[in-house]
Amino acid sequence: MKHLCVLAIAGLFFSCAPSKNSSAVHSLNGRWVPIEEEIGGKPLPAEAFMKQQLVLSDSNYTMVAESVDKGVVVMQAGNKMD
């Protein structure tokens, strides 16, 4: 369940990329916090995600939730990040 939540959050954050070039990734640099989340079409209470954050730094990301996940952001066709 924890991993599903992290994946859902990452999908929410990563679906907002404006273009597929590296400058688009750089323009998203910063600390992002979720304002709402849902799983299976049902909203989660704010307490479930109030300490979560996504940090983008050039082509690197750090997702902080129940645990910390780090990786590399790769732009895909259709203005999506993977």
PDB file of N, CA and C in Angstrom:
ATOM      1  N   MET A   1       0.832  -1.194   0.000  1.00  0.00           N
ATOM      2  CA  MET A   1       0.000   0.000   0.000  1.00  0.00           C
ATOM      3  C   MET A   1       0.870   1.250   0.000  1.00  0.00           C
ATOM      4  N   LYS A   2       1.980   1.214   0.773  1.00  0.00           N
ATOM      5  CA  LYS A   2       2.875   2.362   0.857  1.00  0.00           C
ATOM      6  C   LYS A   2       3.440   2.697  -0.525  1.00  0.00           C
ATOM      7  N   HIS A   3       3.872   1.667  -1.263  1.00  0.00           N
ATOM      8  CA  HIS A   3       4.444   1.891  -2.579  1.00  0.00           C
ATOM      9  C   HIS A   3       3.394   2.399  -3.561  1.00  0.00           C
ATOM     10  N   LEU A   4       2.168   1.915  -3.438  1.00  0.00           N
ATOM     11  CA  LEU A   4       1.088   2.373  -4.303  1.00  0.00           C
ATOM     12  C   LEU A   4       0.831   3.852  -4.083  1.00  0.00           C
ATOM     13  N   CYS A   5       0.857   4.275  -2.840  1.00  0.00           N
ATOM     14  CA  CYS A   5       0.643   5.681  -2.513  1.00  0.00           C
ATOM     15  C   CYS A   5       1.758   6.541  -3.101  1.00  0.00           C
ATOM     16  N   VAL A   6       2.994   6.097  -2.959  1.00  0.00           N
ATOM     17  CA  VAL A   6       4.131   6.845  -3.500  1.00  0.00           C
ATOM     18  C   VAL A   6       4.033   6.924  -5.017  1.00  0.00           C
ATOM     19  N   LEU A   7       3.662   5.829  -5.664  1.00  0.00           N
ATOM     20  CA  LEU A   7       3.515   5.843  -7.114  1.00  0.00           C
ATOM     21  C   LEU A   7       2.396   6.778  -7.551  1.00  0.00           C
ATOM     22  N   ALA A   8       1.299   6.781  -6.823  1.00  0.00           N
ATOM     23  CA  ALA A   8       0.184   7.671  -7.160  1.00  0.00           C
ATOM     24  C   ALA A   8       0.608   9.130  -7.031  1.00  0.00           C
ATOM     25  N   ILE A   9       1.355   9.436  -5.991  1.00  0.00           N
ATOM     26  CA  ILE A   9       1.824  10.806  -5.785  1.00  0.00           C
ATOM     27  C   ILE A   9       2.803  11.196  -6.881  1.00  0.00           C
ATOM     28  N   ALA A  10       3.728  10.313  -7.171  1.00  0.00           N
ATOM     29  CA  ALA A  10       4.708  10.593  -8.216  1.00  0.00           C
ATOM     30  C   ALA A  10       4.008  10.826  -9.552  1.00  0.00           C
ATOM     31  N   GLY A  11       3.001  10.015  -9.853  1.00  0.00           N
ATOM     32  CA  GLY A  11       2.242  10.204 -11.080  1.00  0.00           C
ATOM     33  C   GLY A  11       1.559  11.553 -11.127  1.00  0.00           C
ATOM     34  N   LEU A  12       1.031  11.968 -10.010  1.00  0.00           N
ATOM     35  CA  LEU A  12       0.382  13.281  -9.925  1.00  0.00           C
ATOM     36  C   LEU A  12       1.381  14.380 -10.199  1.00  0.00           C
ATOM     37  N   PHE A  13       2.531  14.341  -9.548  1.00  0.00           N
ATOM     38  CA  PHE A  13       3.550  15.360  -9.745  1.00  0.00           C
ATOM     39  C   PHE A  13       4.101  15.336 -11.158  1.00  0.00           C
ATOM     40  N   PHE A  14       4.408  14.146 -11.666  1.00  0.00           N
ATOM     41  CA  PHE A  14       5.085  14.030 -12.928  1.00  0.00           C
ATOM     42  C   PHE A  14       4.182  14.284 -14.117  1.00  0.00           C
ATOM     43  N   SER A  15       2.879  14.286 -13.952  1.00  0.00           N
ATOM     44  CA  SER A  15       1.979  14.524 -15.072  1.00  0.00           C
ATOM     45  C   SER A  15       1.868  16.000 -15.419  1.00  0.00           C
ATOM     46  N   CYS A  16       2.566  16.860 -14.711  1.00  0.00           N
ATOM     47  CA  CYS A  16       2.453  18.305 -14.909  1.00  0.00           C
ATOM     48  C   CYS A  16       3.560  18.902 -15.764  1.00  0.00           C
ATOM     49  N   ALA A  17       4.428  18.116 -16.368  1.00  0.00           N
ATOM     50  CA  ALA A  17       5.571  18.634 -17.126  1.00  0.00           C
ATOM     51  C   ALA A  17       5.114  19.405 -18.356  1.00  0.00           C
ATOM     52  N   PRO A  18       5.609  20.631 -18.579  1.00  0.00           N
ATOM     53  CA  PRO A  18       5.165  21.446 -19.696  1.00  0.00           C
ATOM     54  C   PRO A  18       5.752  21.076 -21.054  1.00  0.00           C
ATOM     55  N   SER A  19       6.953  20.482 -21.127  1.00  0.00           N
ATOM     56  CA  SER A  19       7.511  20.080 -22.407  1.00  0.00           C
ATOM     57  C   SER A  19       8.494  18.954 -22.202  1.00  0.00           C
ATOM     58  N   LYS A  20       8.972  18.361 -23.314  1.00  0.00           N
ATOM     59  CA  LYS A  20       9.805  17.181 -23.153  1.00  0.00           C
ATOM     60  C   LYS A  20      11.301  17.447 -23.198  1.00  0.00           C
ATOM     61  N   ASN A  21      11.738  18.678 -23.238  1.00  0.00           N
ATOM     62  CA  ASN A  21      13.175  18.927 -23.244  1.00  0.00           C
ATOM     63  C   ASN A  21      13.699  19.143 -21.827  1.00  0.00           C
ATOM     64  N   SER A  22      15.009  19.122 -21.685  1.00  0.00           N
ATOM     65  CA  SER A  22      15.592  19.210 -20.350  1.00  0.00           C
ATOM     66  C   SER A  22      15.326  20.551 -19.685  1.00  0.00           C
ATOM     67  N   SER A  23      15.128  21.616 -20.459  1.00  0.00           N
ATOM     68  CA  SER A  23      14.834  22.905 -19.833  1.00  0.00           C
ATOM     69  C   SER A  23      13.492  22.863 -19.111  1.00  0.00           C
ATOM     70  N   ALA A  24      12.577  22.003 -19.567  1.00  0.00           N
ATOM     71  CA  ALA A  24      11.295  21.852 -18.881  1.00  0.00           C
ATOM     72  C   ALA A  24      11.515  21.268 -17.496  1.00  0.00           C
ATOM     73  N   VAL A  25      12.425  20.298 -17.394  1.00  0.00           N
ATOM     74  CA  VAL A  25      12.731  19.718 -16.092  1.00  0.00           C
ATOM     75  C   VAL A  25      13.327  20.782 -15.190  1.00  0.00           C
ATOM     76  N   HIS A  26      14.259  21.573 -15.713  1.00  0.00           N
ATOM     77  CA  HIS A  26      14.900  22.614 -14.914  1.00  0.00           C
ATOM     78  C   HIS A  26      13.890  23.665 -14.452  1.00  0.00           C
ATOM     79  N   SER A  27      12.884  23.950 -15.269  1.00  0.00           N
ATOM     80  CA  SER A  27      11.894  24.956 -14.881  1.00  0.00           C
ATOM     81  C   SER A  27      11.001  24.471 -13.739  1.00  0.00           C
ATOM     82  N   LEU A  28      11.029  23.162 -13.473  1.00  0.00           N
ATOM     83  CA  LEU A  28      10.232  22.602 -12.377  1.00  0.00           C
ATOM     84  C   LEU A  28      11.050  22.425 -11.100  1.00  0.00           C
ATOM     85  N   ASN A  29      12.316  22.855 -11.127  1.00  0.00           N
ATOM     86  CA  ASN A  29      13.161  22.710  -9.943  1.00  0.00           C
ATOM     87  C   ASN A  29      12.501  23.334  -8.730  1.00  0.00           C
ATOM     88  N   GLY A  30      12.631  22.664  -7.604  1.00  0.00           N
ATOM     89  CA  GLY A  30      12.089  23.196  -6.358  1.00  0.00           C
ATOM     90  C   GLY A  30      11.447  22.106  -5.531  1.00  0.00           C
ATOM     91  N   ARG A  31      10.782  22.542  -4.494  1.00  0.00           N
ATOM     92  CA  ARG A  31      10.115  21.646  -3.555  1.00  0.00           C
ATOM     93  C   ARG A  31       8.612  21.717  -3.814  1.00  0.00           C
ATOM     94  N   TRP A  32       8.014  20.564  -4.085  1.00  0.00           N
ATOM     95  CA  TRP A  32       6.591  20.466  -4.398  1.00  0.00           C
ATOM     96  C   TRP A  32       5.892  19.679  -3.297  1.00  0.00           C
ATOM     97  N   VAL A  33       4.720  20.148  -2.903  1.00  0.00           N
ATOM     98  CA  VAL A  33       3.926  19.446  -1.891  1.00  0.00           C
ATOM     99  C   VAL A  33       2.534  19.173  -2.460  1.00  0.00           C
ATOM    100  N   PRO A  34       1.973  18.005  -2.163  1.00  0.00           N
ATOM    101  CA  PRO A  34       0.643  17.686  -2.681  1.00  0.00           C
ATOM    102  C   PRO A  34      -0.433  18.502  -1.957  1.00  0.00           C
ATOM    103  N   ILE A  35      -1.449  18.875  -2.697  1.00  0.00           N
ATOM    104  CA  ILE A  35      -2.575  19.584  -2.088  1.00  0.00           C
ATOM    105  C   ILE A  35      -3.789  18.672  -1.959  1.00  0.00           C
ATOM    106  N   GLU A  36      -3.784  17.565  -2.720  1.00  0.00           N
ATOM    107  CA  GLU A  36      -4.813  16.545  -2.563  1.00  0.00           C
ATOM    108  C   GLU A  36      -4.304  15.255  -3.197  1.00  0.00           C
ATOM    109  N   GLU A  37      -4.826  14.146  -2.703  1.00  0.00           N
ATOM    110  CA  GLU A  37      -4.475  12.834  -3.241  1.00  0.00           C
ATOM    111  C   GLU A  37      -5.706  11.954  -3.220  1.00  0.00           C
ATOM    112  N   GLU A  38      -5.705  10.993  -4.133  1.00  0.00           N
ATOM    113  CA  GLU A  38      -6.784  10.010  -4.135  1.00  0.00           C
ATOM    114  C   GLU A  38      -6.237   8.675  -4.586  1.00  0.00           C
ATOM    115  N   ILE A  39      -6.860   7.622  -4.136  1.00  0.00           N
ATOM    116  CA  ILE A  39      -6.540   6.265  -4.552  1.00  0.00           C
ATOM    117  C   ILE A  39      -7.854   5.578  -4.878  1.00  0.00           C
ATOM    118  N   GLY A  40      -7.909   4.997  -6.049  1.00  0.00           N
ATOM    119  CA  GLY A  40      -9.131   4.320  -6.475  1.00  0.00           C
ATOM    120  C   GLY A  40     -10.313   5.263  -6.587  1.00  0.00           C
ATOM    121  N   GLY A  41     -10.044   6.529  -6.912  1.00  0.00           N
ATOM    122  CA  GLY A  41     -11.119   7.495  -7.064  1.00  0.00           C
ATOM    123  C   GLY A  41     -11.643   8.073  -5.766  1.00  0.00           C
ATOM    124  N   LYS A  42     -11.046   7.670  -4.635  1.00  0.00           N
ATOM    125  CA  LYS A  42     -11.503   8.161  -3.341  1.00  0.00           C
ATOM    126  C   LYS A  42     -10.432   9.063  -2.734  1.00  0.00           C
ATOM    127  N   PRO A  43     -10.834  10.260  -2.269  1.00  0.00           N
ATOM    128  CA  PRO A  43      -9.850  11.189  -1.705  1.00  0.00           C
ATOM    129  C   PRO A  43      -9.264  10.662  -0.396  1.00  0.00           C
ATOM    130  N   LEU A  44      -7.992  10.950  -0.197  1.00  0.00           N
ATOM    131  CA  LEU A  44      -7.319  10.615   1.053  1.00  0.00           C
ATOM    132  C   LEU A  44      -7.408  11.808   2.000  1.00  0.00           C
ATOM    133  N   PRO A  45      -7.466  11.555   3.301  1.00  0.00           N
ATOM    134  CA  PRO A  45      -7.456  12.679   4.246  1.00  0.00           C
ATOM    135  C   PRO A  45      -6.104  13.378   4.206  1.00  0.00           C
ATOM    136  N   ALA A  46      -6.087  14.658   4.458  1.00  0.00           N
ATOM    137  CA  ALA A  46      -4.856  15.454   4.405  1.00  0.00           C
ATOM    138  C   ALA A  46      -3.770  14.888   5.312  1.00  0.00           C
ATOM    139  N   GLU A  47      -4.145  14.279   6.419  1.00  0.00           N
ATOM    140  CA  GLU A  47      -3.154  13.713   7.338  1.00  0.00           C
ATOM    141  C   GLU A  47      -2.324  12.624   6.664  1.00  0.00           C
ATOM    142  N   ALA A  48      -2.867  12.000   5.636  1.00  0.00           N
ATOM    143  CA  ALA A  48      -2.176  10.905   4.954  1.00  0.00           C
ATOM    144  C   ALA A  48      -1.011  11.399   4.104  1.00  0.00           C
ATOM    145  N   PHE A  49      -1.027  12.665   3.694  1.00  0.00           N
ATOM    146  CA  PHE A  49       0.025  13.153   2.804  1.00  0.00           C
ATOM    147  C   PHE A  49       0.622  14.496   3.210  1.00  0.00           C
ATOM    148  N   MET A  50       0.264  15.013   4.364  1.00  0.00           N
ATOM    149  CA  MET A  50       0.718  16.358   4.732  1.00  0.00           C
ATOM    150  C   MET A  50       2.229  16.481   4.930  1.00  0.00           C
ATOM    151  N   LYS A  51       2.943  15.373   5.149  1.00  0.00           N
ATOM    152  CA  LYS A  51       4.398  15.438   5.321  1.00  0.00           C
ATOM    153  C   LYS A  51       5.148  15.012   4.064  1.00  0.00           C
ATOM    154  N   GLN A  52       4.441  14.755   2.981  1.00  0.00           N
ATOM    155  CA  GLN A  52       5.086  14.312   1.751  1.00  0.00           C
ATOM    156  C   GLN A  52       5.572  15.507   0.945  1.00  0.00           C
ATOM    157  N   GLN A  53       6.651  15.279   0.179  1.00  0.00           N
ATOM    158  CA  GLN A  53       7.148  16.317  -0.700  1.00  0.00           C
ATOM    159  C   GLN A  53       7.972  15.709  -1.825  1.00  0.00           C
ATOM    160  N   LEU A  54       8.019  16.415  -2.917  1.00  0.00           N
ATOM    161  CA  LEU A  54       8.828  16.031  -4.065  1.00  0.00           C
ATOM    162  C   LEU A  54       9.810  17.160  -4.292  1.00  0.00           C
ATOM    163  N   VAL A  55      11.092  16.830  -4.375  1.00  0.00           N
ATOM    164  CA  VAL A  55      12.126  17.831  -4.629  1.00  0.00           C
ATOM    165  C   VAL A  55      12.735  17.516  -5.989  1.00  0.00           C
ATOM    166  N   LEU A  56      12.651  18.476  -6.916  1.00  0.00           N
ATOM    167  CA  LEU A  56      13.262  18.342  -8.230  1.00  0.00           C
ATOM    168  C   LEU A  56      14.477  19.249  -8.295  1.00  0.00           C
ATOM    169  N   SER A  57      15.590  18.682  -8.740  1.00  0.00           N
ATOM    170  CA  SER A  57      16.827  19.437  -8.892  1.00  0.00           C
ATOM    171  C   SER A  57      17.473  18.991 -10.195  1.00  0.00           C
ATOM    172  N   ASP A  58      17.317  19.805 -11.224  1.00  0.00           N
ATOM    173  CA  ASP A  58      17.779  19.478 -12.570  1.00  0.00           C
ATOM    174  C   ASP A  58      17.176  18.143 -12.995  1.00  0.00           C
ATOM    175  N   SER A  59      17.960  17.120 -13.216  1.00  0.00           N
ATOM    176  CA  SER A  59      17.417  15.841 -13.669  1.00  0.00           C
ATOM    177  C   SER A  59      17.254  14.831 -12.532  1.00  0.00           C
ATOM    178  N   ASN A  60      17.348  15.283 -11.295  1.00  0.00           N
ATOM    179  CA  ASN A  60      17.226  14.391 -10.143  1.00  0.00           C
ATOM    180  C   ASN A  60      15.965  14.707  -9.352  1.00  0.00           C
ATOM    181  N   TYR A  61      15.397  13.666  -8.743  1.00  0.00           N
ATOM    182  CA  TYR A  61      14.249  13.878  -7.873  1.00  0.00           C
ATOM    183  C   TYR A  61      14.474  13.161  -6.550  1.00  0.00           C
ATOM    184  N   THR A  62      13.824  13.688  -5.514  1.00  0.00           N
ATOM    185  CA  THR A  62      13.756  13.034  -4.210  1.00  0.00           C
ATOM    186  C   THR A  62      12.305  13.096  -3.778  1.00  0.00           C
ATOM    187  N   MET A  63      11.700  11.932  -3.554  1.00  0.00           N
ATOM    188  CA  MET A  63      10.324  11.852  -3.087  1.00  0.00           C
ATOM    189  C   MET A  63      10.361  11.427  -1.630  1.00  0.00           C
ATOM    190  N   VAL A  64       9.835  12.285  -0.761  1.00  0.00           N
ATOM    191  CA  VAL A  64       9.805  12.004   0.672  1.00  0.00           C
ATOM    192  C   VAL A  64       8.371  11.689   1.059  1.00  0.00           C
ATOM    193  N   ALA A  65       8.162  10.482   1.559  1.00  0.00           N
ATOM    194  CA  ALA A  65       6.856  10.048   2.059  1.00  0.00           C
ATOM    195  C   ALA A  65       7.131   9.236   3.309  1.00  0.00           C
ATOM    196  N   GLU A  66       6.631   8.007   3.381  1.00  0.00           N
ATOM    197  CA  GLU A  66       6.958   7.143   4.507  1.00  0.00           C
ATOM    198  C   GLU A  66       8.431   6.779   4.488  1.00  0.00           C
ATOM    199  N   SER A  67       9.021   6.802   3.294  1.00  0.00           N
ATOM    200  CA  SER A  67      10.447   6.578   3.107  1.00  0.00           C
ATOM    201  C   SER A  67      10.925   7.578   2.055  1.00  0.00           C
ATOM    202  N   VAL A  68      12.202   7.552   1.751  1.00  0.00           N
ATOM    203  CA  VAL A  68      12.773   8.471   0.764  1.00  0.00           C
ATOM    204  C   VAL A  68      13.142   7.686  -0.489  1.00  0.00           C
ATOM    205  N   ASP A  69      12.730   8.188  -1.634  1.00  0.00           N
ATOM    206  CA  ASP A  69      13.055   7.578  -2.917  1.00  0.00           C
ATOM    207  C   ASP A  69      13.789   8.625  -3.743  1.00  0.00           C
ATOM    208  N   LYS A  70      14.922   8.248  -4.318  1.00  0.00           N
ATOM    209  CA  LYS A  70      15.696   9.161  -5.154  1.00  0.00           C
ATOM    210  C   LYS A  70      15.893   8.534  -6.515  1.00  0.00           C
ATOM    211  N   GLY A  71      15.984   9.378  -7.545  1.00  0.00           N
ATOM    212  CA  GLY A  71      16.204   8.864  -8.880  1.00  0.00           C
ATOM    213  C   GLY A  71      16.453   9.967  -9.876  1.00  0.00           C
ATOM    214  N   VAL A  72      16.386   9.602 -11.149  1.00  0.00           N
ATOM    215  CA  VAL A  72      16.637  10.517 -12.254  1.00  0.00           C
ATOM    216  C   VAL A  72      15.335  10.739 -13.011  1.00  0.00           C
ATOM    217  N   VAL A  73      15.047  11.986 -13.325  1.00  0.00           N
ATOM    218  CA  VAL A  73      13.865  12.343 -14.109  1.00  0.00           C
ATOM    219  C   VAL A  73      14.214  12.208 -15.583  1.00  0.00           C
ATOM    220  N   VAL A  74      13.363  11.500 -16.336  1.00  0.00           N
ATOM    221  CA  VAL A  74      13.542  11.337 -17.768  1.00  0.00           C
ATOM    222  C   VAL A  74      12.275  11.829 -18.453  1.00  0.00           C
ATOM    223  N   MET A  75      12.427  12.753 -19.394  1.00  0.00           N
ATOM    224  CA  MET A  75      11.271  13.270 -20.122  1.00  0.00           C
ATOM    225  C   MET A  75      10.850  12.275 -21.192  1.00  0.00           C
ATOM    226  N   GLN A  76       9.539  12.051 -21.319  1.00  0.00           N
ATOM    227  CA  GLN A  76       8.969  11.146 -22.298  1.00  0.00           C
ATOM    228  C   GLN A  76       8.096  11.930 -23.270  1.00  0.00           C
ATOM    229  N   ALA A  77       7.739  11.304 -24.375  1.00  0.00           N
ATOM    230  CA  ALA A  77       6.825  11.926 -25.331  1.00  0.00           C
ATOM    231  C   ALA A  77       5.504  12.221 -24.647  1.00  0.00           C
ATOM    232  N   GLY A  78       4.831  13.239 -25.105  1.00  0.00           N
ATOM    233  CA  GLY A  78       3.551  13.600 -24.527  1.00  0.00           C
ATOM    234  C   GLY A  78       3.678  14.440 -23.283  1.00  0.00           C
ATOM    235  N   ASN A  79       4.834  15.099 -23.094  1.00  0.00           N
ATOM    236  CA  ASN A  79       5.053  15.987 -21.955  1.00  0.00           C
ATOM    237  C   ASN A  79       4.872  15.272 -20.618  1.00  0.00           C
ATOM    238  N   LYS A  80       5.462  14.087 -20.494  1.00  0.00           N
ATOM    239  CA  LYS A  80       5.376  13.336 -19.255  1.00  0.00           C
ATOM    240  C   LYS A  80       6.775  13.021 -18.756  1.00  0.00           C
ATOM    241  N   MET A  81       6.903  12.946 -17.441  1.00  0.00           N
ATOM    242  CA  MET A  81       8.174  12.581 -16.841  1.00  0.00           C
ATOM    243  C   MET A  81       8.080  11.162 -16.323  1.00  0.00           C
ATOM    244  N   ASP A  82       9.201  10.468 -16.379  1.00  0.00           N
ATOM    245  CA  ASP A  82       9.260   9.097 -15.890  1.00  0.00           C
ATOM    246  C   ASP A  82      10.362   9.019 -14.846  1.00  0.00           C
TER     247      ASP A  82
END
